[in-house]
């Protein structure tokens, strides 16, 4: 692995464990066993490091946020999509632990997060529209618009909410919460299947 990637991996680990504000670049260099100058050669401070990790986060999620328009999806594919989104967010959880302060300090990151959120909401709206076209959803467009907002808020803050309550923050609980948000909007047979699958996530 190249030094730049090693630095990003180490920074991600420490940011997730300790919170980004608590990790100086010197600690990252010491953890890797490299000189501060070597780290500075690749990243001129903490801001480029954070932006580098956010770019990686975006790149890993890009295929999920731009699915082919003509893709044929089974019901369980929607929940798999959701599971993969939550997994990636959990892997980069430091970004969402104090999002407003982090974005306030780094305007470039704030713009990136805003664009990413818009892409996420467009994808969620598109997937709900597909479910409605397949006659699996019964709610009207306005209700589904509110559902997109509720799902987005849950994805952004549920892991942190779990940590505030003293748990480690489990991805499976986020998937369960979102599935139970969607379930009341589904037709009876689809709702039963979604609730049954959601219970499996809860019991995992």
C-alpha atoms as a PDB file:
ATOM      1  CA  UNK A   1       0.000   0.000   0.000  1.00  0.00           C
ATOM      2  CA  UNK A   2       1.352   3.442  -0.916  1.00  0.00           C
ATOM      3  CA  UNK A   3       2.228   5.883   1.863  1.00  0.00           C
ATOM      4  CA  UNK A   4      -0.647   8.192   0.961  1.00  0.00           C
ATOM      5  CA  UNK A   5      -3.180   5.377   1.323  1.00  0.00           C
ATOM      6  CA  UNK A   6      -1.581   4.205   4.563  1.00  0.00           C
ATOM      7  CA  UNK A   7      -1.937   7.731   5.966  1.00  0.00           C
ATOM      8  CA  UNK A   8      -5.609   7.860   4.972  1.00  0.00           C
ATOM      9  CA  UNK A   9      -6.313   4.435   6.500  1.00  0.00           C
ATOM     10  CA  UNK A  10      -4.565   5.345   9.752  1.00  0.00           C
ATOM     11  CA  UNK A  11      -6.292   8.738   9.961  1.00  0.00           C
ATOM     12  CA  UNK A  12      -9.667   7.100   9.379  1.00  0.00           C
ATOM     13  CA  UNK A  13      -9.047   4.573  12.149  1.00  0.00           C
ATOM     14  CA  UNK A  14      -7.963   7.229  14.659  1.00  0.00           C
ATOM     15  CA  UNK A  15     -10.682   9.717  13.696  1.00  0.00           C
ATOM     16  CA  UNK A  16     -13.333   7.016  14.122  1.00  0.00           C
ATOM     17  CA  UNK A  17     -11.913   5.845  17.453  1.00  0.00           C
ATOM     18  CA  UNK A  18     -11.162   9.189  19.104  1.00  0.00           C
ATOM     19  CA  UNK A  19     -13.104  11.794  17.128  1.00  0.00           C
ATOM     20  CA  UNK A  20     -11.363  13.938  14.527  1.00  0.00           C
ATOM     21  CA  UNK A  21     -10.793  17.038  16.759  1.00  0.00           C
ATOM     22  CA  UNK A  22      -8.875  14.871  19.260  1.00  0.00           C
ATOM     23  CA  UNK A  23      -6.334  13.516  16.756  1.00  0.00           C
ATOM     24  CA  UNK A  24      -3.384  15.758  15.811  1.00  0.00           C
ATOM     25  CA  UNK A  25      -1.444  14.960  12.663  1.00  0.00           C
ATOM     26  CA  UNK A  26       1.600  14.184  14.856  1.00  0.00           C
ATOM     27  CA  UNK A  27      -0.298  11.253  16.384  1.00  0.00           C
ATOM     28  CA  UNK A  28      -1.092   9.917  12.897  1.00  0.00           C
ATOM     29  CA  UNK A  29       2.608  10.133  11.943  1.00  0.00           C
ATOM     30  CA  UNK A  30       3.645   8.408  15.187  1.00  0.00           C
ATOM     31  CA  UNK A  31       1.076   5.652  14.702  1.00  0.00           C
ATOM     32  CA  UNK A  32       2.448   4.984  11.223  1.00  0.00           C
ATOM     33  CA  UNK A  33       6.091   5.277  12.266  1.00  0.00           C
ATOM     34  CA  UNK A  34       6.827   8.039   9.750  1.00  0.00           C
ATOM     35  CA  UNK A  35       8.169  11.556  10.229  1.00  0.00           C
ATOM     36  CA  UNK A  36       5.761  14.533  10.459  1.00  0.00           C
ATOM     37  CA  UNK A  37       7.541  15.901   7.390  1.00  0.00           C
ATOM     38  CA  UNK A  38       6.718  12.772   5.408  1.00  0.00           C
ATOM     39  CA  UNK A  39       3.050  13.103   6.352  1.00  0.00           C
ATOM     40  CA  UNK A  40       3.108  16.805   5.467  1.00  0.00           C
ATOM     41  CA  UNK A  41       4.567  15.958   2.061  1.00  0.00           C
ATOM     42  CA  UNK A  42       1.376  14.021   1.267  1.00  0.00           C
ATOM     43  CA  UNK A  43      -1.157  16.117   3.211  1.00  0.00           C
ATOM     44  CA  UNK A  44      -0.467  19.730   4.148  1.00  0.00           C
ATOM     45  CA  UNK A  45      -2.416  19.577   7.405  1.00  0.00           C
ATOM     46  CA  UNK A  46      -5.602  18.041   8.685  1.00  0.00           C
ATOM     47  CA  UNK A  47      -8.039  19.663   6.261  1.00  0.00           C
ATOM     48  CA  UNK A  48      -6.606  17.933   3.153  1.00  0.00           C
ATOM     49  CA  UNK A  49      -6.658  14.659   5.111  1.00  0.00           C
ATOM     50  CA  UNK A  50     -10.347  15.036   5.948  1.00  0.00           C
ATOM     51  CA  UNK A  51     -11.179  16.057   2.383  1.00  0.00           C
ATOM     52  CA  UNK A  52      -9.186  13.092   1.073  1.00  0.00           C
ATOM     53  CA  UNK A  53     -11.229  10.728   3.239  1.00  0.00           C
ATOM     54  CA  UNK A  54     -14.473  12.376   2.140  1.00  0.00           C
ATOM     55  CA  UNK A  55     -13.469  11.965  -1.519  1.00  0.00           C
ATOM     56  CA  UNK A  56     -12.869   8.267  -0.868  1.00  0.00           C
ATOM     57  CA  UNK A  57     -16.247   8.001   0.854  1.00  0.00           C
ATOM     58  CA  UNK A  58     -17.942   9.616  -2.149  1.00  0.00           C
ATOM     59  CA  UNK A  59     -16.119   7.369  -4.620  1.00  0.00           C
ATOM     60  CA  UNK A  60     -17.140   4.214  -2.747  1.00  0.00           C
ATOM     61  CA  UNK A  61     -20.785   5.308  -2.656  1.00  0.00           C
ATOM     62  CA  UNK A  62     -20.953   6.628  -6.227  1.00  0.00           C
ATOM     63  CA  UNK A  63     -22.078   3.309  -7.821  1.00  0.00           C
ATOM     64  CA  UNK A  64     -24.919   3.061  -5.295  1.00  0.00           C
ATOM     65  CA  UNK A  65     -26.117   6.618  -5.863  1.00  0.00           C
ATOM     66  CA  UNK A  66     -26.204   6.244  -9.630  1.00  0.00           C
ATOM     67  CA  UNK A  67     -27.878   2.885 -10.352  1.00  0.00           C
ATOM     68  CA  UNK A  68     -28.796   2.161 -13.994  1.00  0.00           C
ATOM     69  CA  UNK A  69     -32.236   3.567 -14.795  1.00  0.00           C
ATOM     70  CA  UNK A  70     -33.310   0.331 -16.504  1.00  0.00           C
ATOM     71  CA  UNK A  71     -32.061  -2.012 -13.765  1.00  0.00           C
ATOM     72  CA  UNK A  72     -34.624  -4.634 -12.732  1.00  0.00           C
ATOM     73  CA  UNK A  73     -34.700  -4.772  -8.941  1.00  0.00           C
ATOM     74  CA  UNK A  74     -36.305  -7.376  -6.728  1.00  0.00           C
ATOM     75  CA  UNK A  75     -37.827  -6.244  -3.442  1.00  0.00           C
ATOM     76  CA  UNK A  76     -34.806  -7.427  -1.428  1.00  0.00           C
ATOM     77  CA  UNK A  77     -32.463  -5.437  -3.689  1.00  0.00           C
ATOM     78  CA  UNK A  78     -33.855  -2.219  -2.208  1.00  0.00           C
ATOM     79  CA  UNK A  79     -32.974  -3.331   1.289  1.00  0.00           C
ATOM     80  CA  UNK A  80     -29.527  -4.487   0.167  1.00  0.00           C
ATOM     81  CA  UNK A  81     -28.979  -1.004  -1.278  1.00  0.00           C
ATOM     82  CA  UNK A  82     -29.914   0.466   2.087  1.00  0.00           C
ATOM     83  CA  UNK A  83     -27.629  -1.945   3.949  1.00  0.00           C
ATOM     84  CA  UNK A  84     -24.639  -1.023   1.763  1.00  0.00           C
ATOM     85  CA  UNK A  85     -25.256   2.711   2.257  1.00  0.00           C
ATOM     86  CA  UNK A  86     -25.341   2.306   6.036  1.00  0.00           C
ATOM     87  CA  UNK A  87     -22.190   0.158   6.020  1.00  0.00           C
ATOM     88  CA  UNK A  88     -20.218   2.814   4.147  1.00  0.00           C
ATOM     89  CA  UNK A  89     -21.482   5.575   6.454  1.00  0.00           C
ATOM     90  CA  UNK A  90     -20.488   3.496   9.481  1.00  0.00           C
ATOM     91  CA  UNK A  91     -17.028   2.931   7.990  1.00  0.00           C
ATOM     92  CA  UNK A  92     -16.541   6.732   7.743  1.00  0.00           C
ATOM     93  CA  UNK A  93     -18.529   7.517  10.870  1.00  0.00           C
ATOM     94  CA  UNK A  94     -16.245  10.341  12.067  1.00  0.00           C
ATOM     95  CA  UNK A  95     -17.723  12.488   9.270  1.00  0.00           C
ATOM     96  CA  UNK A  96     -21.141  12.298  10.899  1.00  0.00           C
ATOM     97  CA  UNK A  97     -20.223  12.384  14.595  1.00  0.00           C
ATOM     98  CA  UNK A  98     -20.204  16.194  14.731  1.00  0.00           C
ATOM     99  CA  UNK A  99     -21.295  17.068  11.231  1.00  0.00           C
ATOM    100  CA  UNK A 100     -22.401  20.672  11.775  1.00  0.00           C
ATOM    101  CA  UNK A 101     -19.148  21.695  13.515  1.00  0.00           C
ATOM    102  CA  UNK A 102     -16.968  19.823  11.037  1.00  0.00           C
ATOM    103  CA  UNK A 103     -18.758  21.392   8.068  1.00  0.00           C
ATOM    104  CA  UNK A 104     -18.636  24.804   9.774  1.00  0.00           C
ATOM    105  CA  UNK A 105     -14.842  24.597  10.072  1.00  0.00           C
ATOM    106  CA  UNK A 106     -14.347  23.295   6.526  1.00  0.00           C
ATOM    107  CA  UNK A 107     -16.471  25.130   3.919  1.00  0.00           C
ATOM    108  CA  UNK A 108     -15.132  22.868   1.154  1.00  0.00           C
ATOM    109  CA  UNK A 109     -16.362  19.823   3.049  1.00  0.00           C
ATOM    110  CA  UNK A 110     -19.712  21.526   3.720  1.00  0.00           C
ATOM    111  CA  UNK A 111     -20.221  21.996  -0.019  1.00  0.00           C
ATOM    112  CA  UNK A 112     -19.255  18.381  -0.684  1.00  0.00           C
ATOM    113  CA  UNK A 113     -21.612  17.066   1.996  1.00  0.00           C
ATOM    114  CA  UNK A 114     -24.435  19.203   0.587  1.00  0.00           C
ATOM    115  CA  UNK A 115     -23.920  17.809  -2.937  1.00  0.00           C
ATOM    116  CA  UNK A 116     -23.693  14.275  -1.569  1.00  0.00           C
ATOM    117  CA  UNK A 117     -26.901  14.678   0.454  1.00  0.00           C
ATOM    118  CA  UNK A 118     -28.741  15.945  -2.623  1.00  0.00           C
ATOM    119  CA  UNK A 119     -27.522  12.918  -4.602  1.00  0.00           C
ATOM    120  CA  UNK A 120     -28.589  10.587  -1.782  1.00  0.00           C
ATOM    121  CA  UNK A 121     -32.080  12.118  -1.607  1.00  0.00           C
ATOM    122  CA  UNK A 122     -32.482  11.962  -5.395  1.00  0.00           C
ATOM    123  CA  UNK A 123     -31.552   8.274  -5.331  1.00  0.00           C
ATOM    124  CA  UNK A 124     -33.927   7.524  -2.454  1.00  0.00           C
ATOM    125  CA  UNK A 125     -36.744   9.366  -4.248  1.00  0.00           C
ATOM    126  CA  UNK A 126     -35.983   7.466  -7.467  1.00  0.00           C
ATOM    127  CA  UNK A 127     -36.050   4.091  -5.695  1.00  0.00           C
ATOM    128  CA  UNK A 128     -39.348   4.927  -3.973  1.00  0.00           C
ATOM    129  CA  UNK A 129     -40.752   6.012  -7.332  1.00  0.00           C
ATOM    130  CA  UNK A 130     -39.770   2.619  -8.785  1.00  0.00           C
ATOM    131  CA  UNK A 131     -41.523   0.842  -5.911  1.00  0.00           C
ATOM    132  CA  UNK A 132     -44.615   2.949  -6.544  1.00  0.00           C
ATOM    133  CA  UNK A 133     -44.488   2.167 -10.279  1.00  0.00           C
ATOM    134  CA  UNK A 134     -44.304  -1.528  -9.352  1.00  0.00           C
ATOM    135  CA  UNK A 135     -47.466  -1.043  -7.282  1.00  0.00           C
ATOM    136  CA  UNK A 136     -45.698  -1.843  -4.005  1.00  0.00           C
ATOM    137  CA  UNK A 137     -46.178   1.630  -2.481  1.00  0.00           C
ATOM    138  CA  UNK A 138     -49.564   3.126  -1.641  1.00  0.00           C
ATOM    139  CA  UNK A 139     -48.632   6.613  -0.364  1.00  0.00           C
ATOM    140  CA  UNK A 140     -48.954   9.785  -2.432  1.00  0.00           C
ATOM    141  CA  UNK A 141     -46.027  11.835  -3.724  1.00  0.00           C
ATOM    142  CA  UNK A 142     -46.109  14.370  -0.889  1.00  0.00           C
ATOM    143  CA  UNK A 143     -45.952  11.643   1.764  1.00  0.00           C
ATOM    144  CA  UNK A 144     -43.073   9.978  -0.071  1.00  0.00           C
ATOM    145  CA  UNK A 145     -41.214  13.298  -0.198  1.00  0.00           C
ATOM    146  CA  UNK A 146     -41.464  13.495   3.587  1.00  0.00           C
ATOM    147  CA  UNK A 147     -40.363   9.873   3.813  1.00  0.00           C
ATOM    148  CA  UNK A 148     -37.171  10.707   1.906  1.00  0.00           C
ATOM    149  CA  UNK A 149     -36.417  13.415   4.490  1.00  0.00           C
ATOM    150  CA  UNK A 150     -37.085  11.021   7.388  1.00  0.00           C
ATOM    151  CA  UNK A 151     -34.850   8.328   5.876  1.00  0.00           C
ATOM    152  CA  UNK A 152     -32.055  10.856   5.272  1.00  0.00           C
ATOM    153  CA  UNK A 153     -32.192  12.131   8.855  1.00  0.00           C
ATOM    154  CA  UNK A 154     -32.139   8.574  10.195  1.00  0.00           C
ATOM    155  CA  UNK A 155     -29.149   7.647   8.029  1.00  0.00           C
ATOM    156  CA  UNK A 156     -27.252  10.766   9.113  1.00  0.00           C
ATOM    157  CA  UNK A 157     -27.826  10.681  12.843  1.00  0.00           C
ATOM    158  CA  UNK A 158     -28.917   7.232  14.004  1.00  0.00           C
ATOM    159  CA  UNK A 159     -25.406   5.850  14.570  1.00  0.00           C
ATOM    160  CA  UNK A 160     -24.460   8.902  16.610  1.00  0.00           C
ATOM    161  CA  UNK A 161     -27.730   8.699  18.554  1.00  0.00           C
ATOM    162  CA  UNK A 162     -26.885   5.118  19.480  1.00  0.00           C
ATOM    163  CA  UNK A 163     -23.455   6.208  20.737  1.00  0.00           C
ATOM    164  CA  UNK A 164     -25.017   8.987  22.843  1.00  0.00           C
ATOM    165  CA  UNK A 165     -27.140   6.294  24.485  1.00  0.00           C
ATOM    166  CA  UNK A 166     -23.994   4.331  25.299  1.00  0.00           C
ATOM    167  CA  UNK A 167     -23.901   1.680  22.557  1.00  0.00           C
ATOM    168  CA  UNK A 168     -21.273   1.266  19.842  1.00  0.00           C
ATOM    169  CA  UNK A 169     -23.535   2.250  16.976  1.00  0.00           C
ATOM    170  CA  UNK A 170     -24.726  -0.753  14.976  1.00  0.00           C
ATOM    171  CA  UNK A 171     -25.473  -0.587  11.261  1.00  0.00           C
ATOM    172  CA  UNK A 172     -28.147  -3.287  11.512  1.00  0.00           C
ATOM    173  CA  UNK A 173     -30.245  -1.084  13.823  1.00  0.00           C
ATOM    174  CA  UNK A 174     -30.119   1.774  11.313  1.00  0.00           C
ATOM    175  CA  UNK A 175     -31.299  -0.548   8.532  1.00  0.00           C
ATOM    176  CA  UNK A 176     -34.101  -1.793  10.804  1.00  0.00           C
ATOM    177  CA  UNK A 177     -35.183   1.771  11.633  1.00  0.00           C
ATOM    178  CA  UNK A 178     -35.310   2.815   7.983  1.00  0.00           C
ATOM    179  CA  UNK A 179     -37.182  -0.325   6.933  1.00  0.00           C
ATOM    180  CA  UNK A 180     -39.777   0.358   9.626  1.00  0.00           C
ATOM    181  CA  UNK A 181     -40.113   3.927   8.327  1.00  0.00           C
ATOM    182  CA  UNK A 182     -40.860   2.601   4.837  1.00  0.00           C
ATOM    183  CA  UNK A 183     -43.096  -0.306   5.891  1.00  0.00           C
ATOM    184  CA  UNK A 184     -46.314   1.716   6.565  1.00  0.00           C
ATOM    185  CA  UNK A 185     -46.149   3.081   3.007  1.00  0.00           C
ATOM    186  CA  UNK A 186     -46.096  -0.408   1.416  1.00  0.00           C
ATOM    187  CA  UNK A 187     -48.970  -2.553   0.215  1.00  0.00           C
ATOM    188  CA  UNK A 188     -49.994  -5.268   2.681  1.00  0.00           C
ATOM    189  CA  UNK A 189     -47.994  -8.150   1.171  1.00  0.00           C
ATOM    190  CA  UNK A 190     -44.864  -6.028   0.629  1.00  0.00           C
ATOM    191  CA  UNK A 191     -45.215  -4.556   4.119  1.00  0.00           C
ATOM    192  CA  UNK A 192     -45.367  -8.017   5.668  1.00  0.00           C
ATOM    193  CA  UNK A 193     -42.216  -9.086   3.805  1.00  0.00           C
ATOM    194  CA  UNK A 194     -40.368  -5.883   4.767  1.00  0.00           C
ATOM    195  CA  UNK A 195     -41.341  -6.153   8.442  1.00  0.00           C
ATOM    196  CA  UNK A 196     -40.313  -9.821   8.514  1.00  0.00           C
ATOM    197  CA  UNK A 197     -36.907  -8.959   7.028  1.00  0.00           C
ATOM    198  CA  UNK A 198     -36.541  -5.983   9.382  1.00  0.00           C
ATOM    199  CA  UNK A 199     -37.028  -8.275  12.367  1.00  0.00           C
ATOM    200  CA  UNK A 200     -34.157 -10.404  11.109  1.00  0.00           C
ATOM    201  CA  UNK A 201     -31.923  -7.322  11.148  1.00  0.00           C
ATOM    202  CA  UNK A 202     -33.068  -6.559  14.696  1.00  0.00           C
ATOM    203  CA  UNK A 203     -32.239 -10.080  15.877  1.00  0.00           C
ATOM    204  CA  UNK A 204     -28.919 -10.417  14.032  1.00  0.00           C
END
